[in-house]
Amino acid sequence: MKQFWKFLLRRSLPADSLKKLNFAVLGLGDSSYVKYNFVAKRLNKRLGQLGAHQLIPIGLGDDQHDLGYDGASDPWIEALWINALNAFPLPQGVSPLDRNQPVVPRWNVTSKLCLEPKSVNKQQSLYYSTRTSKEFFVTIIDNVRVTTDDHFQDVRLIKLKTNGQEYNSGDVVVLRPRNLPSQVAEFQRILLENDVDIPPETIFNLSERSSDFPVPPHLQGPISFQQLCEEYFDLTSIPRRHTFSILAQLTDSEIEKEKCLEFTTAEGQDDLYNYCNRPRRNITEVLEDFRHATKNITKDILFELLQPIKPRDFSIASSCRYHRDEIHILVAVVKYKTKLTKERLGLCSNYLADLKSGDEVSVWLKKGSFKFPLNPEDPAIMVGPGTGVAPFRNFIFQRVNEGVASADNLILFFGCRSRCKDFYCKDEYESLQDEGMLHLICAFSRDQDDKIYVQHKIAENAKEVWRALATRRAHIFVAGNSKNMPQEVRSAFARVCVEEGGLDEEKAEAFLAQMEKTNQYQTETWS
């Protein structure tokens, strides 16, 4: 990709280089990020500059949309087929394929009942034999709640024991969660009640139908149905249109079929949103609602209906040198109510919250997006409300360990609801501040009548912030929820440049843009 992009940007390319190319670009992005769909926009523009013909306007999928990417991709795909057929008409008598083609399973699936059911419970992890050289086991040292029991949000500081593996500030630890036992039992119950009798000790063997769809390494050996339910199938996933397309083909009920097909159309997306997305109805609950389809599920169709569990990333909240042979993570446990009777549970956070001291988990490390300054004289202004503080705890203790931490080069804006209820690692930060190793500025949004957030504290401390920025050596790091915070914080820094730096609004924007360009203003957010 890099080579292709570098080639496309050559100034020596003639303006008509791609005059014979017809193209259409669909970008998938998140509008909470500063560079929303940046790559798609730039590619679309460059192809046009080189003479290529745009079939349809660029489509910009936004993960913040109520329907996710489908909100933009639906009309874009519809327009693409119409224009493609106009540009390249089919031969007479040939029609486009029906969109609801019969589902063809990717893999052949055979099964047999294990004669020693007790051995199923002793089987190694589904991923054990296919772990890469980068994966390693960690042991739970501590799993401590760092918010008060009467606070609505359960946040954990989880400490993992390593075997000397090294990591840097800004790095991320990755792990694969498992479904909770209650979720597995519910899924298996619904299958059994609908005459899909697959005992947990049933052994599956998968083989490929086509080289286009190879069987993943972790599914190539004999696997028990219990393993698949615990470790592979994401039983908390919210079904999308493709799921209902499959259910429409399985059901022998005309009412169910009509409803499923409606959910697959552009016109039915609002109904699908209200049925699935708004109440966060998961795949298990959908199968319970569409019983005439569920009863016809075969073992190979399970792999088409159910999404695999995806690995989860966590910013490392510890310093490799200061916290020897340990990795710490901050985890907000996701539990909330919708109009559905049952409480909604986040898959990974609840899996982690249930871990006990001594439990083992397989993890691996990867680089995060933050690149912290190596020069201890470069000030770091860190804005980390909530669990966004995690990567900054890593960097702060790195500088503490190196003996270069000071209130001049470490400024932390931390935000939470209440000093008494959800001020994570309070004693640590206040102790560092007392010792002159950190300048801690807190925003407690609910401790007074008016809500105070980190952006308000940036404005309050404008003189000090500008003093650091004016050196042209300061680095700004922003981490946390992507909803409104990143934009509000950036606006607060822009106001500092105007009010304390004497810049006009245009120059203040240019100042921050230059900081972003040189990686001195970095953002890491999530929704």
Protein backbone atom coordinates (compact mmCIF):
# COMPACT_ATOMS: atom_id res chain seq x y z
CA MET A 1 0.00 0.00 0.00
CA LYS A 2 2.80 2.40 0.91
CA GLN A 3 4.56 1.77 -2.39
CA PHE A 4 1.33 2.23 -4.33
CA TRP A 5 0.54 5.49 -2.52
CA LYS A 6 4.08 6.81 -2.97
CA PHE A 7 3.82 6.07 -6.68
CA LEU A 8 0.44 7.83 -7.00
CA LEU A 9 1.86 10.99 -5.41
CA ARG A 10 4.70 11.37 -7.93
CA ARG A 11 4.59 14.84 -9.41
CA SER A 12 6.03 13.55 -12.66
CA LEU A 13 2.89 11.54 -13.43
CA PRO A 14 1.01 13.08 -16.41
CA ALA A 15 -2.40 14.56 -15.62
CA ASP A 16 -4.05 12.02 -17.95
CA SER A 17 -2.27 8.95 -16.54
CA LEU A 18 -5.53 7.32 -15.43
CA LYS A 19 -7.88 8.64 -18.09
CA LYS A 20 -9.05 5.10 -18.92
CA LEU A 21 -9.85 4.26 -15.30
CA ASN A 22 -13.38 4.35 -13.88
CA PHE A 23 -13.43 4.43 -10.09
CA ALA A 24 -15.57 4.85 -7.00
CA VAL A 25 -14.30 5.33 -3.43
CA LEU A 26 -16.05 4.31 -0.22
CA GLY A 27 -14.29 5.34 2.99
CA LEU A 28 -14.97 3.88 6.42
CA GLY A 29 -14.21 6.28 9.26
CA ASP A 30 -15.33 7.83 12.53
CA SER A 31 -16.34 11.48 12.57
CA SER A 32 -15.15 11.87 16.17
CA TYR A 33 -11.58 11.77 14.85
CA VAL A 34 -9.86 14.89 13.58
CA LYS A 35 -8.78 13.25 10.30
CA TYR A 36 -12.18 11.77 9.51
CA ASN A 37 -11.96 9.60 6.37
CA PHE A 38 -8.75 11.45 5.48
CA VAL A 39 -7.33 8.61 3.36
CA ALA A 40 -10.50 8.08 1.32
CA LYS A 41 -10.83 11.81 0.61
CA ARG A 42 -7.21 12.12 -0.45
CA LEU A 43 -7.28 9.02 -2.65
CA ASN A 44 -10.49 10.19 -4.32
CA LYS A 45 -8.96 13.60 -5.04
CA ARG A 46 -5.68 12.19 -6.37
CA LEU A 47 -7.35 9.73 -8.75
CA GLY A 48 -9.35 12.65 -10.17
CA GLN A 49 -6.18 14.74 -10.56
CA LEU A 50 -4.68 11.94 -12.67
CA GLY A 51 -7.61 11.94 -15.09
CA ALA A 52 -9.62 8.99 -13.78
CA HIS A 53 -13.40 9.12 -14.22
CA GLN A 54 -15.47 9.09 -11.03
CA LEU A 55 -18.48 6.79 -11.43
CA ILE A 56 -20.28 8.17 -8.35
CA PRO A 57 -19.44 10.69 -5.61
CA ILE A 58 -17.27 9.51 -2.74
CA GLY A 59 -19.09 7.70 0.08
CA LEU A 60 -18.03 8.49 3.65
CA GLY A 61 -19.07 5.80 6.13
CA ASP A 62 -19.29 7.07 9.70
CA ASP A 63 -19.16 4.73 12.69
CA GLN A 64 -20.94 7.43 14.73
CA HIS A 65 -24.06 7.17 12.53
CA ASP A 66 -27.09 5.45 14.11
CA LEU A 67 -26.74 2.67 11.52
CA GLY A 68 -22.95 2.64 11.58
CA TYR A 69 -21.21 2.40 8.23
CA ASP A 70 -24.43 1.14 6.62
CA GLY A 71 -25.90 4.65 6.84
CA ALA A 72 -23.58 5.80 4.05
CA SER A 73 -22.68 2.51 2.38
CA ASP A 74 -26.30 1.54 1.58
CA PRO A 75 -27.06 4.45 -0.77
CA TRP A 76 -23.47 4.39 -2.08
CA ILE A 77 -23.68 0.70 -3.07
CA GLU A 78 -27.12 1.23 -4.60
CA ALA A 79 -25.78 4.08 -6.71
CA LEU A 80 -22.69 2.06 -7.66
CA TRP A 81 -24.71 -0.81 -9.16
CA ILE A 82 -26.96 1.57 -11.08
CA ASN A 83 -24.02 3.48 -12.56
CA ALA A 84 -21.95 0.35 -13.18
CA LEU A 85 -24.83 -1.18 -15.16
CA ASN A 86 -25.17 2.03 -17.18
CA ALA A 87 -21.44 2.17 -17.86
CA PHE A 88 -21.10 -1.55 -18.58
CA PRO A 89 -24.47 -2.92 -19.79
CA LEU A 90 -25.02 -6.65 -19.48
CA PRO A 91 -25.58 -8.70 -22.66
CA GLN A 92 -29.17 -9.03 -23.80
CA GLY A 93 -31.05 -11.66 -21.80
CA VAL A 94 -28.65 -11.52 -18.85
CA SER A 95 -29.94 -10.05 -15.59
CA PRO A 96 -28.14 -9.13 -12.35
CA LEU A 97 -28.13 -11.86 -9.73
CA ASP A 98 -30.78 -11.78 -7.03
CA ARG A 99 -29.33 -10.07 -3.95
CA ASN A 100 -30.71 -12.75 -1.64
CA GLN A 101 -28.66 -15.60 -3.05
CA PRO A 102 -28.76 -18.86 -1.06
CA VAL A 103 -26.05 -18.79 1.57
CA VAL A 104 -23.14 -21.11 0.82
CA PRO A 105 -21.17 -22.01 3.96
CA ARG A 106 -17.48 -21.20 3.74
CA TRP A 107 -16.35 -24.50 5.24
CA ASN A 108 -17.35 -28.15 5.35
CA VAL A 109 -18.19 -29.15 8.89
CA THR A 110 -18.29 -32.72 10.20
CA SER A 111 -18.87 -33.71 13.79
CA LYS A 112 -18.93 -36.61 16.19
CA LEU A 113 -19.81 -37.05 19.83
CA CYS A 114 -16.82 -37.28 22.14
CA LEU A 115 -16.84 -40.61 23.98
CA GLU A 116 -15.05 -39.08 26.96
CA PRO A 117 -17.10 -35.94 27.79
CA LYS A 118 -15.01 -35.17 30.90
CA SER A 119 -11.96 -34.62 28.69
CA VAL A 120 -13.73 -31.71 26.97
CA ASN A 121 -13.46 -29.64 30.14
CA LYS A 122 -9.72 -30.27 30.25
CA GLN A 123 -9.02 -29.16 26.68
CA GLN A 124 -6.52 -26.37 26.11
CA SER A 125 -7.61 -23.02 24.78
CA LEU A 126 -8.85 -22.96 21.21
CA TYR A 127 -5.91 -20.68 20.35
CA TYR A 128 -3.21 -22.47 22.38
CA SER A 129 -1.55 -24.45 19.59
CA THR A 130 -1.70 -21.56 17.10
CA ARG A 131 -0.30 -18.86 19.37
CA THR A 132 2.31 -16.74 17.63
CA SER A 133 5.80 -16.19 19.04
CA LYS A 134 4.58 -12.79 20.24
CA GLU A 135 1.91 -14.26 22.53
CA PHE A 136 2.62 -15.12 26.15
CA PHE A 137 0.73 -16.03 29.29
CA VAL A 138 0.21 -13.61 32.15
CA THR A 139 -1.16 -14.37 35.61
CA ILE A 140 -3.67 -12.18 37.43
CA ILE A 141 -2.01 -10.59 40.47
CA ASP A 142 -4.81 -8.20 41.46
CA ASN A 143 -8.24 -7.30 40.15
CA VAL A 144 -9.24 -4.30 42.24
CA ARG A 145 -12.23 -1.99 41.91
CA VAL A 146 -10.96 1.61 41.96
CA THR A 147 -14.37 3.29 42.19
CA THR A 148 -16.51 3.24 45.34
CA ASP A 149 -19.16 0.55 45.69
CA ASP A 150 -21.95 3.14 45.53
CA HIS A 151 -20.64 4.64 42.27
CA PHE A 152 -22.62 3.66 39.15
CA GLN A 153 -19.47 2.71 37.19
CA ASP A 154 -17.31 -0.24 38.17
CA VAL A 155 -13.72 0.45 37.06
CA ARG A 156 -10.94 -2.08 37.65
CA LEU A 157 -7.19 -1.75 37.94
CA ILE A 158 -6.03 -5.19 36.86
CA LYS A 159 -2.40 -6.16 37.44
CA LEU A 160 -0.91 -8.93 35.30
CA LYS A 161 2.29 -10.82 36.14
CA THR A 162 4.64 -11.20 33.15
CA ASN A 163 7.78 -13.22 32.66
CA GLY A 164 10.05 -10.25 31.96
CA GLN A 165 8.47 -9.16 28.67
CA GLU A 166 9.38 -5.54 27.89
CA TYR A 167 7.21 -2.73 26.58
CA ASN A 168 7.42 1.03 26.11
CA SER A 169 5.28 4.02 27.02
CA GLY A 170 2.26 4.17 24.75
CA ASP A 171 2.26 0.44 24.04
CA VAL A 172 -0.92 -1.63 24.05
CA VAL A 173 -1.68 -5.09 25.42
CA VAL A 174 -4.08 -7.26 23.41
CA LEU A 175 -6.16 -10.18 24.67
CA ARG A 176 -9.03 -12.40 23.60
CA PRO A 177 -12.04 -12.39 25.90
CA ARG A 178 -14.42 -15.29 26.43
CA ASN A 179 -18.17 -15.42 26.75
CA LEU A 180 -19.50 -15.64 30.29
CA PRO A 181 -20.77 -19.10 31.39
CA SER A 182 -24.31 -17.71 31.71
CA GLN A 183 -24.20 -16.49 28.10
CA VAL A 184 -22.97 -19.86 26.85
CA ALA A 185 -25.69 -21.69 28.78
CA GLU A 186 -28.39 -19.36 27.40
CA PHE A 187 -27.23 -19.85 23.79
CA GLN A 188 -27.11 -23.64 24.14
CA ARG A 189 -30.55 -23.65 25.80
CA ILE A 190 -32.14 -21.73 22.93
CA LEU A 191 -30.66 -24.12 20.35
CA LEU A 192 -31.85 -27.15 22.29
CA GLU A 193 -35.37 -25.75 22.78
CA ASN A 194 -35.59 -25.35 19.01
CA ASP A 195 -34.51 -28.93 18.32
CA VAL A 196 -30.94 -28.03 17.39
CA ASP A 197 -29.35 -30.66 19.60
CA ILE A 198 -25.59 -30.16 19.72
CA PRO A 199 -24.17 -31.51 22.99
CA PRO A 200 -21.28 -29.41 24.38
CA GLU A 201 -18.89 -32.35 23.98
CA THR A 202 -19.57 -32.64 20.22
CA ILE A 203 -16.28 -32.47 18.31
CA PHE A 204 -16.22 -30.34 15.14
CA ASN A 205 -13.82 -30.77 12.23
CA LEU A 206 -13.66 -28.04 9.58
CA SER A 207 -12.25 -28.26 6.06
CA GLU A 208 -12.21 -25.72 3.24
CA ARG A 209 -14.63 -25.78 0.34
CA SER A 210 -12.59 -23.27 -1.63
CA SER A 211 -9.04 -21.94 -1.44
CA ASP A 212 -10.62 -18.47 -1.36
CA PHE A 213 -11.83 -19.23 2.18
CA PRO A 214 -9.12 -21.16 4.04
CA VAL A 215 -9.93 -22.45 7.53
CA PRO A 216 -8.17 -20.24 10.13
CA PRO A 217 -5.33 -22.05 11.96
CA HIS A 218 -7.17 -22.05 15.31
CA LEU A 219 -10.13 -23.89 13.71
CA GLN A 220 -8.11 -26.52 11.88
CA GLY A 221 -7.93 -29.12 14.64
CA PRO A 222 -10.71 -31.01 16.42
CA ILE A 223 -12.74 -28.47 18.44
CA SER A 224 -15.53 -29.08 20.89
CA PHE A 225 -18.80 -27.20 20.58
CA GLN A 226 -18.23 -26.00 24.15
CA GLN A 227 -14.92 -24.41 23.08
CA LEU A 228 -16.60 -22.68 20.15
CA CYS A 229 -19.32 -21.29 22.43
CA GLU A 230 -16.84 -20.06 25.02
CA GLU A 231 -14.00 -18.76 22.86
CA TYR A 232 -15.02 -18.31 19.22
CA PHE A 233 -18.67 -17.30 18.73
CA ASP A 234 -19.41 -13.74 19.87
CA LEU A 235 -22.70 -14.29 21.67
CA THR A 236 -23.03 -10.58 22.53
CA SER A 237 -22.71 -9.31 18.95
CA ILE A 238 -25.49 -7.17 17.48
CA PRO A 239 -26.75 -8.82 14.24
CA ARG A 240 -26.50 -6.91 11.01
CA ARG A 241 -28.39 -7.23 7.74
CA HIS A 242 -26.42 -10.25 6.54
CA THR A 243 -27.64 -12.22 9.57
CA PHE A 244 -31.26 -11.60 8.63
CA SER A 245 -30.59 -12.51 5.02
CA ILE A 246 -29.47 -15.94 6.25
CA LEU A 247 -32.39 -16.30 8.65
CA ALA A 248 -34.81 -15.46 5.82
CA GLN A 249 -33.47 -18.47 3.91
CA LEU A 250 -33.68 -20.78 6.92
CA THR A 251 -37.19 -20.00 8.17
CA ASP A 252 -40.31 -21.88 7.09
CA SER A 253 -42.55 -19.12 8.46
CA GLU A 254 -43.77 -16.57 5.95
CA ILE A 255 -44.16 -13.96 8.71
CA GLU A 256 -40.54 -14.42 9.85
CA LYS A 257 -39.28 -14.43 6.27
CA GLU A 258 -41.08 -11.19 5.46
CA LYS A 259 -39.67 -9.47 8.54
CA CYS A 260 -36.12 -10.73 7.89
CA LEU A 261 -36.18 -9.61 4.26
CA GLU A 262 -37.53 -6.21 5.31
CA PHE A 263 -34.49 -5.81 7.60
CA THR A 264 -32.17 -6.40 4.61
CA THR A 265 -33.60 -3.54 2.54
CA ALA A 266 -32.57 0.11 2.57
CA GLU A 267 -36.16 1.02 3.47
CA GLY A 268 -36.10 -1.31 6.48
CA GLN A 269 -32.98 0.10 8.13
CA ASP A 270 -34.87 2.27 10.61
CA ASP A 271 -36.86 -0.77 11.73
CA LEU A 272 -33.67 -2.82 12.02
CA TYR A 273 -32.08 -0.06 14.10
CA ASN A 274 -35.08 0.05 16.44
CA TYR A 275 -35.15 -3.74 16.76
CA CYS A 276 -31.41 -4.45 17.15
CA ASN A 277 -29.16 -1.43 17.55
CA ARG A 278 -31.15 0.85 19.83
CA PRO A 279 -31.96 -1.82 22.49
CA ARG A 280 -28.65 -3.63 21.81
CA ARG A 281 -30.43 -6.93 21.11
CA ASN A 282 -27.79 -9.62 20.65
CA ILE A 283 -27.62 -12.62 18.33
CA THR A 284 -28.77 -15.07 21.01
CA GLU A 285 -31.92 -13.02 21.66
CA VAL A 286 -32.60 -12.71 17.91
CA LEU A 287 -32.41 -16.50 17.51
CA GLU A 288 -34.93 -16.83 20.34
CA ASP A 289 -37.30 -14.43 18.52
CA PHE A 290 -36.98 -16.16 15.11
CA ARG A 291 -37.61 -19.73 16.23
CA HIS A 292 -38.78 -21.03 12.83
CA ALA A 293 -35.39 -20.07 11.41
CA THR A 294 -33.40 -21.22 14.43
CA LYS A 295 -34.78 -24.76 14.29
CA ASN A 296 -33.27 -25.16 10.79
CA ILE A 297 -29.73 -24.07 11.72
CA THR A 298 -27.09 -26.59 10.70
CA LYS A 299 -23.56 -26.84 12.10
CA ASP A 300 -21.94 -25.23 9.04
CA ILE A 301 -24.44 -22.35 9.07
CA LEU A 302 -23.44 -21.51 12.66
CA PHE A 303 -20.14 -20.14 11.32
CA GLU A 304 -22.04 -17.83 8.93
CA LEU A 305 -24.56 -16.59 11.48
CA LEU A 306 -22.22 -15.92 14.39
CA GLN A 307 -19.33 -13.47 14.31
CA PRO A 308 -16.01 -14.53 15.84
CA ILE A 309 -14.86 -12.85 19.05
CA LYS A 310 -12.38 -10.10 18.21
CA PRO A 311 -9.27 -9.40 20.30
CA ARG A 312 -9.43 -6.25 22.45
CA ASP A 313 -6.74 -3.59 22.91
CA PHE A 314 -5.92 -1.90 26.21
CA SER A 315 -3.50 0.96 26.79
CA ILE A 316 -0.88 -0.18 29.27
CA ALA A 317 -1.19 1.78 32.51
CA SER A 318 2.12 0.70 34.07
CA SER A 319 5.80 1.43 33.44
CA CYS A 320 7.94 -1.51 32.38
CA ARG A 321 10.88 -0.30 34.49
CA TYR A 322 8.99 1.01 37.52
CA HIS A 323 6.46 -1.84 37.76
CA ARG A 324 8.87 -4.73 37.15
CA ASP A 325 7.44 -7.84 35.47
CA GLU A 326 3.94 -6.39 35.52
CA ILE A 327 1.36 -5.00 33.11
CA HIS A 328 -1.50 -2.90 34.48
CA ILE A 329 -4.73 -2.06 32.67
CA LEU A 330 -7.69 0.15 33.59
CA VAL A 331 -11.03 -1.39 32.62
CA ALA A 332 -14.46 0.24 32.82
CA VAL A 333 -16.94 -2.62 33.26
CA VAL A 334 -19.78 -2.15 30.76
CA LYS A 335 -23.24 -2.81 32.22
CA TYR A 336 -26.35 -0.85 31.29
CA LYS A 337 -30.10 -1.14 30.83
CA THR A 338 -32.17 -0.73 27.68
CA LYS A 339 -35.87 -1.40 27.11
CA LEU A 340 -35.02 -5.12 27.17
CA THR A 341 -35.47 -6.93 30.48
CA LYS A 342 -31.93 -8.22 30.77
CA GLU A 343 -29.02 -5.96 31.59
CA ARG A 344 -26.59 -5.42 28.70
CA LEU A 345 -23.06 -6.67 29.43
CA GLY A 346 -19.88 -5.74 27.59
CA LEU A 347 -18.18 -8.97 26.51
CA CYS A 348 -14.55 -8.19 27.36
CA SER A 349 -14.93 -5.95 30.40
CA ASN A 350 -17.18 -8.44 32.21
CA TYR A 351 -14.88 -11.32 31.31
CA LEU A 352 -11.97 -9.39 32.83
CA ALA A 353 -13.97 -8.33 35.90
CA ASP A 354 -14.66 -12.01 36.65
CA LEU A 355 -10.98 -13.03 36.62
CA LYS A 356 -9.46 -14.03 39.95
CA SER A 357 -5.90 -13.91 41.29
CA GLY A 358 -3.94 -16.81 39.80
CA ASP A 359 -6.00 -17.05 36.59
CA GLU A 360 -3.97 -17.15 33.37
CA VAL A 361 -4.64 -15.17 30.21
CA SER A 362 -2.85 -15.24 26.86
CA VAL A 363 -1.84 -11.77 25.62
CA TRP A 364 0.45 -10.02 23.19
CA LEU A 365 1.90 -6.53 22.86
CA LYS A 366 1.76 -3.99 20.07
CA LYS A 367 2.65 -0.38 19.49
CA GLY A 368 0.01 2.17 20.38
CA SER A 369 -0.55 5.43 18.54
CA PHE A 370 1.11 7.66 21.16
CA LYS A 371 4.75 8.58 20.67
CA PHE A 372 5.98 10.21 23.87
CA PRO A 373 8.98 12.59 23.88
CA LEU A 374 12.38 11.03 24.67
CA ASN A 375 13.95 14.32 25.79
CA PRO A 376 13.08 14.85 29.49
CA GLU A 377 13.20 18.61 28.98
CA ASP A 378 10.21 18.45 26.61
CA PRO A 379 7.02 19.17 28.62
CA ALA A 380 4.14 16.71 28.25
CA ILE A 381 0.62 18.11 28.67
CA MET A 382 -1.64 15.10 29.14
CA VAL A 383 -5.43 15.24 29.05
CA GLY A 384 -6.95 11.99 30.27
CA PRO A 385 -10.50 11.96 31.62
CA GLY A 386 -11.72 8.60 32.91
CA THR A 387 -9.81 5.52 31.78
CA GLY A 388 -8.11 7.77 29.21
CA VAL A 389 -5.51 8.37 31.92
CA ALA A 390 -4.09 4.84 31.46
CA PRO A 391 -1.28 5.57 28.94
CA PHE A 392 -0.28 8.65 30.95
CA ARG A 393 0.19 6.63 34.15
CA ASN A 394 2.64 4.56 32.08
CA PHE A 395 4.60 7.61 30.89
CA ILE A 396 4.54 9.41 34.25
CA PHE A 397 6.09 6.45 36.05
CA GLN A 398 8.63 6.01 33.27
CA ARG A 399 9.91 9.53 33.96
CA VAL A 400 9.72 8.90 37.72
CA ASN A 401 11.85 5.79 37.27
CA GLU A 402 14.38 7.73 35.17
CA GLY A 403 14.59 10.42 37.84
CA VAL A 404 13.52 13.19 35.45
CA ALA A 405 9.89 13.69 36.52
CA SER A 406 8.96 17.23 37.56
CA ALA A 407 5.92 19.48 37.80
CA ASP A 408 7.39 21.49 34.90
CA ASN A 409 7.60 18.62 32.42
CA LEU A 410 4.56 16.54 33.47
CA ILE A 411 1.18 18.30 33.49
CA LEU A 412 -1.82 15.99 33.87
CA PHE A 413 -5.43 17.11 33.36
CA PHE A 414 -7.56 14.33 34.84
CA GLY A 415 -11.34 14.30 34.77
CA CYS A 416 -13.97 12.24 36.57
CA ARG A 417 -17.32 12.76 38.28
CA SER A 418 -16.33 13.01 41.93
CA ARG A 419 -13.16 13.29 43.99
CA CYS A 420 -14.61 10.78 46.47
CA LYS A 421 -16.08 8.20 44.08
CA ASP A 422 -14.07 7.71 40.87
CA PHE A 423 -10.69 9.41 41.26
CA TYR A 424 -8.58 6.43 40.12
CA CYS A 425 -5.10 6.08 41.63
CA LYS A 426 -5.74 9.24 43.66
CA ASP A 427 -3.09 8.53 46.30
CA GLU A 428 -0.39 7.89 43.68
CA TYR A 429 -0.96 11.10 41.76
CA GLU A 430 -1.30 13.29 44.84
CA SER A 431 1.86 11.80 46.32
CA LEU A 432 3.78 12.56 43.11
CA GLN A 433 2.40 16.10 43.17
CA ASP A 434 3.49 16.58 46.79
CA GLU A 435 7.00 15.46 45.82
CA GLY A 436 7.15 17.93 42.91
CA MET A 437 7.16 15.19 40.26
CA LEU A 438 3.79 16.01 38.70
CA HIS A 439 1.47 18.96 38.21
CA LEU A 440 -1.98 17.45 38.71
CA ILE A 441 -5.07 19.44 37.63
CA CYS A 442 -8.42 17.72 38.23
CA ALA A 443 -11.91 18.36 36.92
CA PHE A 444 -14.65 16.80 39.07
CA SER A 445 -17.74 17.30 36.95
CA ARG A 446 -20.41 16.50 39.59
CA ASP A 447 -18.89 17.91 42.79
CA GLN A 448 -20.60 21.28 42.28
CA ASP A 449 -23.74 22.67 40.69
CA ASP A 450 -22.05 23.58 37.41
CA LYS A 451 -20.43 20.74 35.50
CA ILE A 452 -16.67 21.24 35.17
CA TYR A 453 -14.73 19.27 32.59
CA VAL A 454 -11.07 19.05 31.57
CA GLN A 455 -11.53 21.72 28.87
CA HIS A 456 -12.63 24.20 31.57
CA LYS A 457 -9.52 23.41 33.60
CA ILE A 458 -7.32 24.00 30.53
CA ALA A 459 -8.89 27.47 30.24
CA GLU A 460 -8.42 28.11 33.97
CA ASN A 461 -4.73 27.25 33.71
CA ALA A 462 -4.17 29.08 30.41
CA LYS A 463 -1.03 30.96 31.54
CA GLU A 464 0.77 27.78 32.57
CA VAL A 465 -0.37 25.92 29.45
CA TRP A 466 0.87 28.71 27.18
CA ARG A 467 4.17 28.87 29.06
CA ALA A 468 4.76 25.24 28.04
CA LEU A 469 3.45 25.71 24.48
CA ALA A 470 5.51 28.86 23.92
CA THR A 471 8.74 26.85 24.20
CA ARG A 472 7.71 25.11 20.95
CA ARG A 473 8.87 21.90 22.65
CA ALA A 474 5.70 20.91 24.49
CA HIS A 475 3.73 17.82 23.48
CA ILE A 476 -0.03 17.54 23.97
CA PHE A 477 -1.64 14.12 24.43
CA VAL A 478 -5.42 13.61 24.59
CA ALA A 479 -6.99 10.24 25.42
CA GLY A 480 -10.52 9.18 26.31
CA ASN A 481 -14.07 9.00 25.02
CA SER A 482 -14.44 10.26 21.47
CA LYS A 483 -17.92 11.79 21.71
CA ASN A 484 -17.34 15.52 22.34
CA MET A 485 -14.26 15.68 24.52
CA PRO A 486 -11.47 15.74 21.87
CA GLN A 487 -13.01 18.65 19.95
CA GLU A 488 -13.80 20.59 23.14
CA VAL A 489 -10.24 20.10 24.40
CA ARG A 490 -8.75 21.20 21.08
CA SER A 491 -10.93 24.32 21.14
CA ALA A 492 -9.72 25.04 24.68
CA PHE A 493 -6.08 24.88 23.55
CA ALA A 494 -6.91 27.15 20.61
CA ARG A 495 -8.40 29.71 23.04
CA VAL A 496 -5.22 29.54 25.13
CA CYS A 497 -3.20 30.40 22.01
CA VAL A 498 -5.46 33.40 21.37
CA GLU A 499 -5.85 34.73 24.92
CA GLU A 500 -2.37 34.07 26.28
CA GLY A 501 -0.29 33.76 23.13
CA GLY A 502 -1.76 36.81 21.40
CA LEU A 503 -2.49 34.87 18.19
CA ASP A 504 -5.58 35.52 16.14
CA GLU A 505 -7.94 32.57 15.57
CA GLU A 506 -6.49 31.70 12.18
CA LYS A 507 -2.91 31.64 13.50
CA ALA A 508 -3.99 29.69 16.59
CA GLU A 509 -5.49 27.04 14.33
CA ALA A 510 -2.34 26.98 12.22
CA PHE A 511 -0.24 26.65 15.40
CA LEU A 512 -2.16 23.55 16.53
CA ALA A 513 -2.23 22.12 13.01
CA GLN A 514 1.56 22.38 12.88
CA MET A 515 1.78 20.62 16.24
CA GLU A 516 -0.37 17.81 14.84
CA LYS A 517 1.80 17.60 11.74
CA THR A 518 4.96 17.22 13.84
CA ASN A 519 3.30 14.73 16.24
CA GLN A 520 3.36 17.24 19.08
CA TYR A 521 -0.44 17.08 19.37
CA GLN A 522 -1.63 13.49 19.49
CA THR A 523 -5.07 12.05 20.14
CA GLU A 524 -6.15 8.53 21.04
CA THR A 525 -9.91 8.20 21.49
CA TRP A 526 -12.57 5.53 21.36
CA SER A 527 -16.36 5.37 21.25
